[in-house]
Amino acid sequence: MPPLTPNEAQELKKELHEDWMVIDSGRLLARTYETKDFAEAMELANKIGVIAEEEGHHPDLTVSYGSLGVELTTHSIGGLSENDFILAAKIDEIKN
């Protein structure tokens, strides 16, 4: 399966929270969640980890004091797939 085109990715992004960004020439979906402290960022990262395992689709997470960065891509196709957007929507459900 080929990766989504940048236009296809932008269309799917419309279904997500406005803070999600399609970057890296349409190959990456990213969002930063603000948290009150490091512990809350870790708690969110662990919740995302459970969903990622269930989906068999694993984001890159960057845990910092006061924020959690999430990056999604489908490495096997070298870009974004619908699965990235599905996982993003599921991540939003636990945070919003």
PDB file of N, CA and C in Angstrom:
ATOM      1  N   MET A   1       0.839  -1.167   0.000  1.00  0.00           N
ATOM      2  CA  MET A   1       0.000   0.000   0.000  1.00  0.00           C
ATOM      3  C   MET A   1       0.894   1.244   0.000  1.00  0.00           C
ATOM      4  N   PRO A   2       0.635   2.187  -0.888  1.00  0.00           N
ATOM      5  CA  PRO A   2       1.433   3.418  -0.897  1.00  0.00           C
ATOM      6  C   PRO A   2       0.995   4.356   0.229  1.00  0.00           C
ATOM      7  N   PRO A   3       1.880   5.250   0.655  1.00  0.00           N
ATOM      8  CA  PRO A   3       1.483   6.215   1.681  1.00  0.00           C
ATOM      9  C   PRO A   3       0.446   7.192   1.133  1.00  0.00           C
ATOM     10  N   LEU A   4      -0.272   7.820   2.052  1.00  0.00           N
ATOM     11  CA  LEU A   4      -1.227   8.844   1.656  1.00  0.00           C
ATOM     12  C   LEU A   4      -0.489  10.010   1.005  1.00  0.00           C
ATOM     13  N   THR A   5      -1.130  10.650   0.066  1.00  0.00           N
ATOM     14  CA  THR A   5      -0.561  11.873  -0.507  1.00  0.00           C
ATOM     15  C   THR A   5      -0.725  12.994   0.520  1.00  0.00           C
ATOM     16  N   PRO A   6       0.033  14.064   0.391  1.00  0.00           N
ATOM     17  CA  PRO A   6      -0.159  15.190   1.311  1.00  0.00           C
ATOM     18  C   PRO A   6      -1.604  15.709   1.317  1.00  0.00           C
ATOM     19  N   ASN A   7      -2.256  15.740   0.168  1.00  0.00           N
ATOM     20  CA  ASN A   7      -3.649  16.198   0.109  1.00  0.00           C
ATOM     21  C   ASN A   7      -4.583  15.238   0.834  1.00  0.00           C
ATOM     22  N   GLU A   8      -4.376  13.939   0.664  1.00  0.00           N
ATOM     23  CA  GLU A   8      -5.198  12.946   1.373  1.00  0.00           C
ATOM     24  C   GLU A   8      -5.001  13.069   2.884  1.00  0.00           C
ATOM     25  N   ALA A   9      -3.748  13.274   3.297  1.00  0.00           N
ATOM     26  CA  ALA A   9      -3.450  13.416   4.723  1.00  0.00           C
ATOM     27  C   ALA A   9      -4.134  14.666   5.288  1.00  0.00           C
ATOM     28  N   GLN A  10      -4.112  15.751   4.555  1.00  0.00           N
ATOM     29  CA  GLN A  10      -4.763  16.979   5.021  1.00  0.00           C
ATOM     30  C   GLN A  10      -6.271  16.790   5.144  1.00  0.00           C
ATOM     31  N   GLU A  11      -6.858  16.032   4.255  1.00  0.00           N
ATOM     32  CA  GLU A  11      -8.301  15.763   4.338  1.00  0.00           C
ATOM     33  C   GLU A  11      -8.637  14.956   5.595  1.00  0.00           C
ATOM     34  N   LEU A  12      -7.853  13.920   5.879  1.00  0.00           N
ATOM     35  CA  LEU A  12      -8.095  13.107   7.070  1.00  0.00           C
ATOM     36  C   LEU A  12      -7.826  13.897   8.352  1.00  0.00           C
ATOM     37  N   LYS A  13      -6.876  14.804   8.299  1.00  0.00           N
ATOM     38  CA  LYS A  13      -6.549  15.618   9.467  1.00  0.00           C
ATOM     39  C   LYS A  13      -7.746  16.446   9.919  1.00  0.00           C
ATOM     40  N   LYS A  14      -8.614  16.795   9.011  1.00  0.00           N
ATOM     41  CA  LYS A  14      -9.803  17.589   9.344  1.00  0.00           C
ATOM     42  C   LYS A  14     -10.702  16.876  10.349  1.00  0.00           C
ATOM     43  N   GLU A  15     -10.575  15.540  10.459  1.00  0.00           N
ATOM     44  CA  GLU A  15     -11.390  14.754  11.384  1.00  0.00           C
ATOM     45  C   GLU A  15     -10.804  14.723  12.794  1.00  0.00           C
ATOM     46  N   LEU A  16      -9.591  15.247  12.949  1.00  0.00           N
ATOM     47  CA  LEU A  16      -8.891  15.204  14.236  1.00  0.00           C
ATOM     48  C   LEU A  16      -8.957  16.558  14.935  1.00  0.00           C
ATOM     49  N   HIS A  17      -8.501  16.573  16.174  1.00  0.00           N
ATOM     50  CA  HIS A  17      -8.366  17.823  16.919  1.00  0.00           C
ATOM     51  C   HIS A  17      -7.458  18.761  16.129  1.00  0.00           C
ATOM     52  N   GLU A  18      -7.745  20.035  16.205  1.00  0.00           N
ATOM     53  CA  GLU A  18      -7.008  21.026  15.405  1.00  0.00           C
ATOM     54  C   GLU A  18      -5.522  21.113  15.744  1.00  0.00           C
ATOM     55  N   ASP A  19      -5.099  20.594  16.886  1.00  0.00           N
ATOM     56  CA  ASP A  19      -3.680  20.667  17.258  1.00  0.00           C
ATOM     57  C   ASP A  19      -2.799  19.651  16.528  1.00  0.00           C
ATOM     58  N   TRP A  20      -3.399  18.671  15.865  1.00  0.00           N
ATOM     59  CA  TRP A  20      -2.598  17.736  15.081  1.00  0.00           C
ATOM     60  C   TRP A  20      -2.047  18.458  13.859  1.00  0.00           C
ATOM     61  N   MET A  21      -0.809  18.120  13.492  1.00  0.00           N
ATOM     62  CA  MET A  21      -0.154  18.719  12.330  1.00  0.00           C
ATOM     63  C   MET A  21       0.351  17.621  11.405  1.00  0.00           C
ATOM     64  N   VAL A  22       0.196  17.823  10.115  1.00  0.00           N
ATOM     65  CA  VAL A  22       0.829  16.965   9.118  1.00  0.00           C
ATOM     66  C   VAL A  22       2.114  17.682   8.723  1.00  0.00           C
ATOM     67  N   ILE A  23       3.250  17.026   8.983  1.00  0.00           N
ATOM     68  CA  ILE A  23       4.551  17.658   8.738  1.00  0.00           C
ATOM     69  C   ILE A  23       5.460  16.724   7.941  1.00  0.00           C
ATOM     70  N   ASP A  24       6.665  17.183   7.695  1.00  0.00           N
ATOM     71  CA  ASP A  24       7.686  16.413   6.981  1.00  0.00           C
ATOM     72  C   ASP A  24       7.177  15.993   5.604  1.00  0.00           C
ATOM     73  N   SER A  25       6.695  16.974   4.859  1.00  0.00           N
ATOM     74  CA  SER A  25       6.183  16.747   3.496  1.00  0.00           C
ATOM     75  C   SER A  25       5.071  15.707   3.464  1.00  0.00           C
ATOM     76  N   GLY A  26       4.238  15.708   4.510  1.00  0.00           N
ATOM     77  CA  GLY A  26       3.102  14.796   4.558  1.00  0.00           C
ATOM     78  C   GLY A  26       3.418  13.393   5.035  1.00  0.00           C
ATOM     79  N   ARG A  27       4.609  13.182   5.594  1.00  0.00           N
ATOM     80  CA  ARG A  27       5.003  11.839   6.034  1.00  0.00           C
ATOM     81  C   ARG A  27       4.814  11.593   7.524  1.00  0.00           C
ATOM     82  N   LEU A  28       4.412  12.638   8.283  1.00  0.00           N
ATOM     83  CA  LEU A  28       4.365  12.523   9.734  1.00  0.00           C
ATOM     84  C   LEU A  28       3.163  13.283  10.276  1.00  0.00           C
ATOM     85  N   LEU A  29       2.508  12.682  11.260  1.00  0.00           N
ATOM     86  CA  LEU A  29       1.394  13.299  11.970  1.00  0.00           C
ATOM     87  C   LEU A  29       1.870  13.539  13.396  1.00  0.00           C
ATOM     88  N   ALA A  30       1.757  14.782  13.886  1.00  0.00           N
ATOM     89  CA  ALA A  30       2.333  15.118  15.185  1.00  0.00           C
ATOM     90  C   ALA A  30       1.412  16.020  15.995  1.00  0.00           C
ATOM     91  N   ARG A  31       1.506  15.859  17.318  1.00  0.00           N
ATOM     92  CA  ARG A  31       0.774  16.715  18.243  1.00  0.00           C
ATOM     93  C   ARG A  31       1.526  16.745  19.563  1.00  0.00           C
ATOM     94  N   THR A  32       1.453  17.884  20.244  1.00  0.00           N
ATOM     95  CA  THR A  32       1.997  18.006  21.593  1.00  0.00           C
ATOM     96  C   THR A  32       0.842  18.252  22.543  1.00  0.00           C
ATOM     97  N   TYR A  33       0.783  17.441  23.585  1.00  0.00           N
ATOM     98  CA  TYR A  33      -0.214  17.603  24.640  1.00  0.00           C
ATOM     99  C   TYR A  33       0.446  18.320  25.807  1.00  0.00           C
ATOM    100  N   GLU A  34      -0.199  19.359  26.302  1.00  0.00           N
ATOM    101  CA  GLU A  34       0.290  20.061  27.485  1.00  0.00           C
ATOM    102  C   GLU A  34      -0.194  19.299  28.723  1.00  0.00           C
ATOM    103  N   THR A  35       0.687  19.137  29.691  1.00  0.00           N
ATOM    104  CA  THR A  35       0.358  18.453  30.941  1.00  0.00           C
ATOM    105  C   THR A  35       0.799  19.343  32.104  1.00  0.00           C
ATOM    106  N   LYS A  36       0.272  19.052  33.295  1.00  0.00           N
ATOM    107  CA  LYS A  36       0.609  19.906  34.435  1.00  0.00           C
ATOM    108  C   LYS A  36       2.017  19.643  34.967  1.00  0.00           C
ATOM    109  N   ASP A  37       2.542  18.433  34.724  1.00  0.00           N
ATOM    110  CA  ASP A  37       3.879  18.106  35.216  1.00  0.00           C
ATOM    111  C   ASP A  37       4.377  16.833  34.527  1.00  0.00           C
ATOM    112  N   PHE A  38       5.545  16.391  34.934  1.00  0.00           N
ATOM    113  CA  PHE A  38       6.153  15.200  34.334  1.00  0.00           C
ATOM    114  C   PHE A  38       5.316  13.954  34.597  1.00  0.00           C
ATOM    115  N   ALA A  39       4.786  13.833  35.814  1.00  0.00           N
ATOM    116  CA  ALA A  39       3.994  12.652  36.168  1.00  0.00           C
ATOM    117  C   ALA A  39       2.765  12.527  35.274  1.00  0.00           C
ATOM    118  N   GLU A  40       2.093  13.634  35.001  1.00  0.00           N
ATOM    119  CA  GLU A  40       0.923  13.579  34.120  1.00  0.00           C
ATOM    120  C   GLU A  40       1.328  13.222  32.691  1.00  0.00           C
ATOM    121  N   ALA A  41       2.467  13.717  32.234  1.00  0.00           N
ATOM    122  CA  ALA A  41       2.964  13.368  30.901  1.00  0.00           C
ATOM    123  C   ALA A  41       3.249  11.865  30.820  1.00  0.00           C
ATOM    124  N   MET A  42       3.842  11.312  31.871  1.00  0.00           N
ATOM    125  CA  MET A  42       4.123   9.868  31.908  1.00  0.00           C
ATOM    126  C   MET A  42       2.835   9.064  31.945  1.00  0.00           C
ATOM    127  N   GLU A  43       1.857   9.520  32.714  1.00  0.00           N
ATOM    128  CA  GLU A  43       0.572   8.828  32.790  1.00  0.00           C
ATOM    129  C   GLU A  43      -0.093   8.782  31.416  1.00  0.00           C
ATOM    130  N   LEU A  44      -0.070   9.901  30.711  1.00  0.00           N
ATOM    131  CA  LEU A  44      -0.644   9.936  29.374  1.00  0.00           C
ATOM    132  C   LEU A  44       0.143   9.028  28.420  1.00  0.00           C
ATOM    133  N   ALA A  45       1.458   9.053  28.517  1.00  0.00           N
ATOM    134  CA  ALA A  45       2.289   8.187  27.674  1.00  0.00           C
ATOM    135  C   ALA A  45       1.946   6.717  27.905  1.00  0.00           C
ATOM    136  N   ASN A  46       1.738   6.335  29.150  1.00  0.00           N
ATOM    137  CA  ASN A  46       1.395   4.943  29.456  1.00  0.00           C
ATOM    138  C   ASN A  46       0.018   4.573  28.908  1.00  0.00           C
ATOM    139  N   LYS A  47      -0.946   5.487  28.987  1.00  0.00           N
ATOM    140  CA  LYS A  47      -2.269   5.228  28.420  1.00  0.00           C
ATOM    141  C   LYS A  47      -2.183   5.067  26.897  1.00  0.00           C
ATOM    142  N   ILE A  48      -1.383   5.899  26.274  1.00  0.00           N
ATOM    143  CA  ILE A  48      -1.188   5.800  24.822  1.00  0.00           C
ATOM    144  C   ILE A  48      -0.516   4.472  24.491  1.00  0.00           C
ATOM    145  N   GLY A  49       0.427   4.052  25.329  1.00  0.00           N
ATOM    146  CA  GLY A  49       1.115   2.780  25.110  1.00  0.00           C
ATOM    147  C   GLY A  49       0.164   1.601  25.096  1.00  0.00           C
ATOM    148  N   VAL A  50      -0.833   1.618  25.964  1.00  0.00           N
ATOM    149  CA  VAL A  50      -1.827   0.539  26.001  1.00  0.00           C
ATOM    150  C   VAL A  50      -2.615   0.507  24.690  1.00  0.00           C
ATOM    151  N   ILE A  51      -3.067   1.660  24.243  1.00  0.00           N
ATOM    152  CA  ILE A  51      -3.825   1.732  22.982  1.00  0.00           C
ATOM    153  C   ILE A  51      -2.948   1.298  21.813  1.00  0.00           C
ATOM    154  N   ALA A  52      -1.709   1.760  21.804  1.00  0.00           N
ATOM    155  CA  ALA A  52      -0.791   1.416  20.713  1.00  0.00           C
ATOM    156  C   ALA A  52      -0.576  -0.088  20.629  1.00  0.00           C
ATOM    157  N   GLU A  53      -0.427  -0.732  21.770  1.00  0.00           N
ATOM    158  CA  GLU A  53      -0.266  -2.194  21.781  1.00  0.00           C
ATOM    159  C   GLU A  53      -1.517  -2.882  21.249  1.00  0.00           C
ATOM    160  N   GLU A  54      -2.686  -2.411  21.669  1.00  0.00           N
ATOM    161  CA  GLU A  54      -3.946  -2.990  21.184  1.00  0.00           C
ATOM    162  C   GLU A  54      -4.075  -2.854  19.671  1.00  0.00           C
ATOM    163  N   GLU A  55      -3.641  -1.719  19.142  1.00  0.00           N
ATOM    164  CA  GLU A  55      -3.744  -1.441  17.712  1.00  0.00           C
ATOM    165  C   GLU A  55      -2.595  -2.035  16.907  1.00  0.00           C
ATOM    166  N   GLY A  56      -1.511  -2.396  17.584  1.00  0.00           N
ATOM    167  CA  GLY A  56      -0.328  -2.882  16.867  1.00  0.00           C
ATOM    168  C   GLY A  56       0.302  -1.787  16.017  1.00  0.00           C
ATOM    169  N   HIS A  57       0.178  -0.559  16.490  1.00  0.00           N
ATOM    170  CA  HIS A  57       0.678   0.611  15.751  1.00  0.00           C
ATOM    171  C   HIS A  57       1.282   1.557  16.781  1.00  0.00           C
ATOM    172  N   HIS A  58       2.574   1.820  16.692  1.00  0.00           N
ATOM    173  CA  HIS A  58       3.306   2.436  17.793  1.00  0.00           C
ATOM    174  C   HIS A  58       3.865   3.812  17.438  1.00  0.00           C
ATOM    175  N   PRO A  59       3.400   4.848  18.152  1.00  0.00           N
ATOM    176  CA  PRO A  59       3.905   6.203  17.920  1.00  0.00           C
ATOM    177  C   PRO A  59       5.248   6.415  18.602  1.00  0.00           C
ATOM    178  N   ASP A  60       5.936   7.452  18.180  1.00  0.00           N
ATOM    179  CA  ASP A  60       7.106   7.922  18.908  1.00  0.00           C
ATOM    180  C   ASP A  60       6.596   8.928  19.933  1.00  0.00           C
ATOM    181  N   LEU A  61       7.002   8.766  21.183  1.00  0.00           N
ATOM    182  CA  LEU A  61       6.565   9.642  22.258  1.00  0.00           C
ATOM    183  C   LEU A  61       7.775  10.359  22.855  1.00  0.00           C
ATOM    184  N   THR A  62       7.602  11.645  23.132  1.00  0.00           N
ATOM    185  CA  THR A  62       8.643  12.426  23.779  1.00  0.00           C
ATOM    186  C   THR A  62       8.057  12.999  25.064  1.00  0.00           C
ATOM    187  N   VAL A  63       8.500  12.456  26.189  1.00  0.00           N
ATOM    188  CA  VAL A  63       7.989  12.869  27.489  1.00  0.00           C
ATOM    189  C   VAL A  63       8.884  13.970  28.050  1.00  0.00           C
ATOM    190  N   SER A  64       8.262  15.070  28.439  1.00  0.00           N
ATOM    191  CA  SER A  64       8.974  16.197  29.042  1.00  0.00           C
ATOM    192  C   SER A  64       8.168  16.715  30.213  1.00  0.00           C
ATOM    193  N   TYR A  65       8.789  17.538  31.022  1.00  0.00           N
ATOM    194  CA  TYR A  65       8.045  18.167  32.098  1.00  0.00           C
ATOM    195  C   TYR A  65       7.035  19.124  31.475  1.00  0.00           C
ATOM    196  N   GLY A  66       5.756  18.845  31.661  1.00  0.00           N
ATOM    197  CA  GLY A  66       4.710  19.729  31.169  1.00  0.00           C
ATOM    198  C   GLY A  66       4.225  19.458  29.762  1.00  0.00           C
ATOM    199  N   SER A  67       4.725  18.414  29.120  1.00  0.00           N
ATOM    200  CA  SER A  67       4.225  18.117  27.773  1.00  0.00           C
ATOM    201  C   SER A  67       4.565  16.693  27.350  1.00  0.00           C
ATOM    202  N   LEU A  68       3.795  16.228  26.380  1.00  0.00           N
ATOM    203  CA  LEU A  68       4.044  14.930  25.754  1.00  0.00           C
ATOM    204  C   LEU A  68       3.908  15.113  24.246  1.00  0.00           C
ATOM    205  N   GLY A  69       4.972  14.846  23.537  1.00  0.00           N
ATOM    206  CA  GLY A  69       4.952  14.902  22.076  1.00  0.00           C
ATOM    207  C   GLY A  69       4.616  13.538  21.509  1.00  0.00           C
ATOM    208  N   VAL A  70       3.731  13.521  20.501  1.00  0.00           N
ATOM    209  CA  VAL A  70       3.319  12.279  19.855  1.00  0.00           C
ATOM    210  C   VAL A  70       3.574  12.430  18.360  1.00  0.00           C
ATOM    211  N   GLU A  71       4.269  11.472  17.767  1.00  0.00           N
ATOM    212  CA  GLU A  71       4.513  11.455  16.326  1.00  0.00           C
ATOM    213  C   GLU A  71       4.086  10.110  15.768  1.00  0.00           C
ATOM    214  N   LEU A  72       3.321  10.158  14.700  1.00  0.00           N
ATOM    215  CA  LEU A  72       2.819   8.954  14.050  1.00  0.00           C
ATOM    216  C   LEU A  72       3.259   8.909  12.596  1.00  0.00           C
ATOM    217  N   THR A  73       3.647   7.732  12.156  1.00  0.00           N
ATOM    218  CA  THR A  73       3.932   7.448  10.761  1.00  0.00           C
ATOM    219  C   THR A  73       3.877   5.938  10.595  1.00  0.00           C
ATOM    220  N   THR A  74       3.732   5.483   9.387  1.00  0.00           N
ATOM    221  CA  THR A  74       3.766   4.050   9.117  1.00  0.00           C
ATOM    222  C   THR A  74       5.097   3.762   8.435  1.00  0.00           C
ATOM    223  N   HIS A  75       6.041   3.274   9.227  1.00  0.00           N
ATOM    224  CA  HIS A  75       7.408   3.083   8.735  1.00  0.00           C
ATOM    225  C   HIS A  75       7.470   2.140   7.536  1.00  0.00           C
ATOM    226  N   SER A  76       6.626   1.117   7.530  1.00  0.00           N
ATOM    227  CA  SER A  76       6.704   0.111   6.460  1.00  0.00           C
ATOM    228  C   SER A  76       6.357   0.669   5.085  1.00  0.00           C
ATOM    229  N   ILE A  77       5.640   1.797   5.039  1.00  0.00           N
ATOM    230  CA  ILE A  77       5.303   2.400   3.736  1.00  0.00           C
ATOM    231  C   ILE A  77       5.996   3.746   3.549  1.00  0.00           C
ATOM    232  N   GLY A  78       6.739   4.181   4.551  1.00  0.00           N
ATOM    233  CA  GLY A  78       7.493   5.426   4.425  1.00  0.00           C
ATOM    234  C   GLY A  78       6.640   6.677   4.442  1.00  0.00           C
ATOM    235  N   GLY A  79       5.525   6.628   5.171  1.00  0.00           N
ATOM    236  CA  GLY A  79       4.657   7.803   5.247  1.00  0.00           C
ATOM    237  C   GLY A  79       3.417   7.508   6.056  1.00  0.00           C
ATOM    238  N   LEU A  80       2.403   8.307   5.836  1.00  0.00           N
ATOM    239  CA  LEU A  80       1.164   8.173   6.600  1.00  0.00           C
ATOM    240  C   LEU A  80       0.191   7.209   5.952  1.00  0.00           C
ATOM    241  N   SER A  81      -0.542   6.503   6.817  1.00  0.00           N
ATOM    242  CA  SER A  81      -1.629   5.628   6.380  1.00  0.00           C
ATOM    243  C   SER A  81      -2.875   6.004   7.180  1.00  0.00           C
ATOM    244  N   GLU A  82      -3.993   5.444   6.808  1.00  0.00           N
ATOM    245  CA  GLU A  82      -5.222   5.694   7.571  1.00  0.00           C
ATOM    246  C   GLU A  82      -5.067   5.240   9.016  1.00  0.00           C
ATOM    247  N   ASN A  83      -4.276   4.211   9.259  1.00  0.00           N
ATOM    248  CA  ASN A  83      -4.058   3.727  10.632  1.00  0.00           C
ATOM    249  C   ASN A  83      -3.477   4.804  11.544  1.00  0.00           C
ATOM    250  N   ASP A  84      -2.645   5.670  10.992  1.00  0.00           N
ATOM    251  CA  ASP A  84      -2.086   6.755  11.793  1.00  0.00           C
ATOM    252  C   ASP A  84      -3.190   7.687  12.286  1.00  0.00           C
ATOM    253  N   PHE A  85      -4.148   7.974  11.441  1.00  0.00           N
ATOM    254  CA  PHE A  85      -5.241   8.870  11.798  1.00  0.00           C
ATOM    255  C   PHE A  85      -6.226   8.196  12.749  1.00  0.00           C
ATOM    256  N   ILE A  86      -6.417   6.903  12.580  1.00  0.00           N
ATOM    257  CA  ILE A  86      -7.276   6.155  13.505  1.00  0.00           C
ATOM    258  C   ILE A  86      -6.664   6.176  14.904  1.00  0.00           C
ATOM    259  N   LEU A  87      -5.367   5.911  14.995  1.00  0.00           N
ATOM    260  CA  LEU A  87      -4.707   5.924  16.300  1.00  0.00           C
ATOM    261  C   LEU A  87      -4.731   7.329  16.896  1.00  0.00           C
ATOM    262  N   ALA A  88      -4.517   8.355  16.089  1.00  0.00           N
ATOM    263  CA  ALA A  88      -4.572   9.724  16.586  1.00  0.00           C
ATOM    264  C   ALA A  88      -5.936  10.029  17.202  1.00  0.00           C
ATOM    265  N   ALA A  89      -6.998   9.600  16.543  1.00  0.00           N
ATOM    266  CA  ALA A  89      -8.360   9.836  17.061  1.00  0.00           C
ATOM    267  C   ALA A  89      -8.555   9.098  18.390  1.00  0.00           C
ATOM    268  N   LYS A  90      -8.033   7.897  18.489  1.00  0.00           N
ATOM    269  CA  LYS A  90      -8.165   7.141  19.742  1.00  0.00           C
ATOM    270  C   LYS A  90      -7.359   7.782  20.871  1.00  0.00           C
ATOM    271  N   ILE A  91      -6.208   8.336  20.529  1.00  0.00           N
ATOM    272  CA  ILE A  91      -5.403   9.038  21.534  1.00  0.00           C
ATOM    273  C   ILE A  91      -6.168  10.275  22.021  1.00  0.00           C
ATOM    274  N   ASP A  92      -6.777  10.993  21.104  1.00  0.00           N
ATOM    275  CA  ASP A  92      -7.545  12.177  21.488  1.00  0.00           C
ATOM    276  C   ASP A  92      -8.685  11.817  22.437  1.00  0.00           C
ATOM    277  N   GLU A  93      -9.285  10.661  22.244  1.00  0.00           N
ATOM    278  CA  GLU A  93     -10.404  10.247  23.099  1.00  0.00           C
ATOM    279  C   GLU A  93      -9.990  10.117  24.571  1.00  0.00           C
ATOM    280  N   ILE A  94      -8.763   9.701  24.828  1.00  0.00           N
ATOM    281  CA  ILE A  94      -8.339   9.552  26.225  1.00  0.00           C
ATOM    282  C   ILE A  94      -7.914  10.870  26.849  1.00  0.00           C
ATOM    283  N   LYS A  95      -7.541  11.819  26.034  1.00  0.00           N
ATOM    284  CA  LYS A  95      -7.062  13.103  26.568  1.00  0.00           C
ATOM    285  C   LYS A  95      -8.168  14.153  26.631  1.00  0.00           C
ATOM    286  N   ASN A  96      -9.105  14.119  25.717  1.00  0.00           N
ATOM    287  CA  ASN A  96     -10.131  15.173  25.656  1.00  0.00           C
ATOM    288  C   ASN A  96     -11.330  14.862  26.519  1.00  0.00           C
TER     289      ASN A  96
END
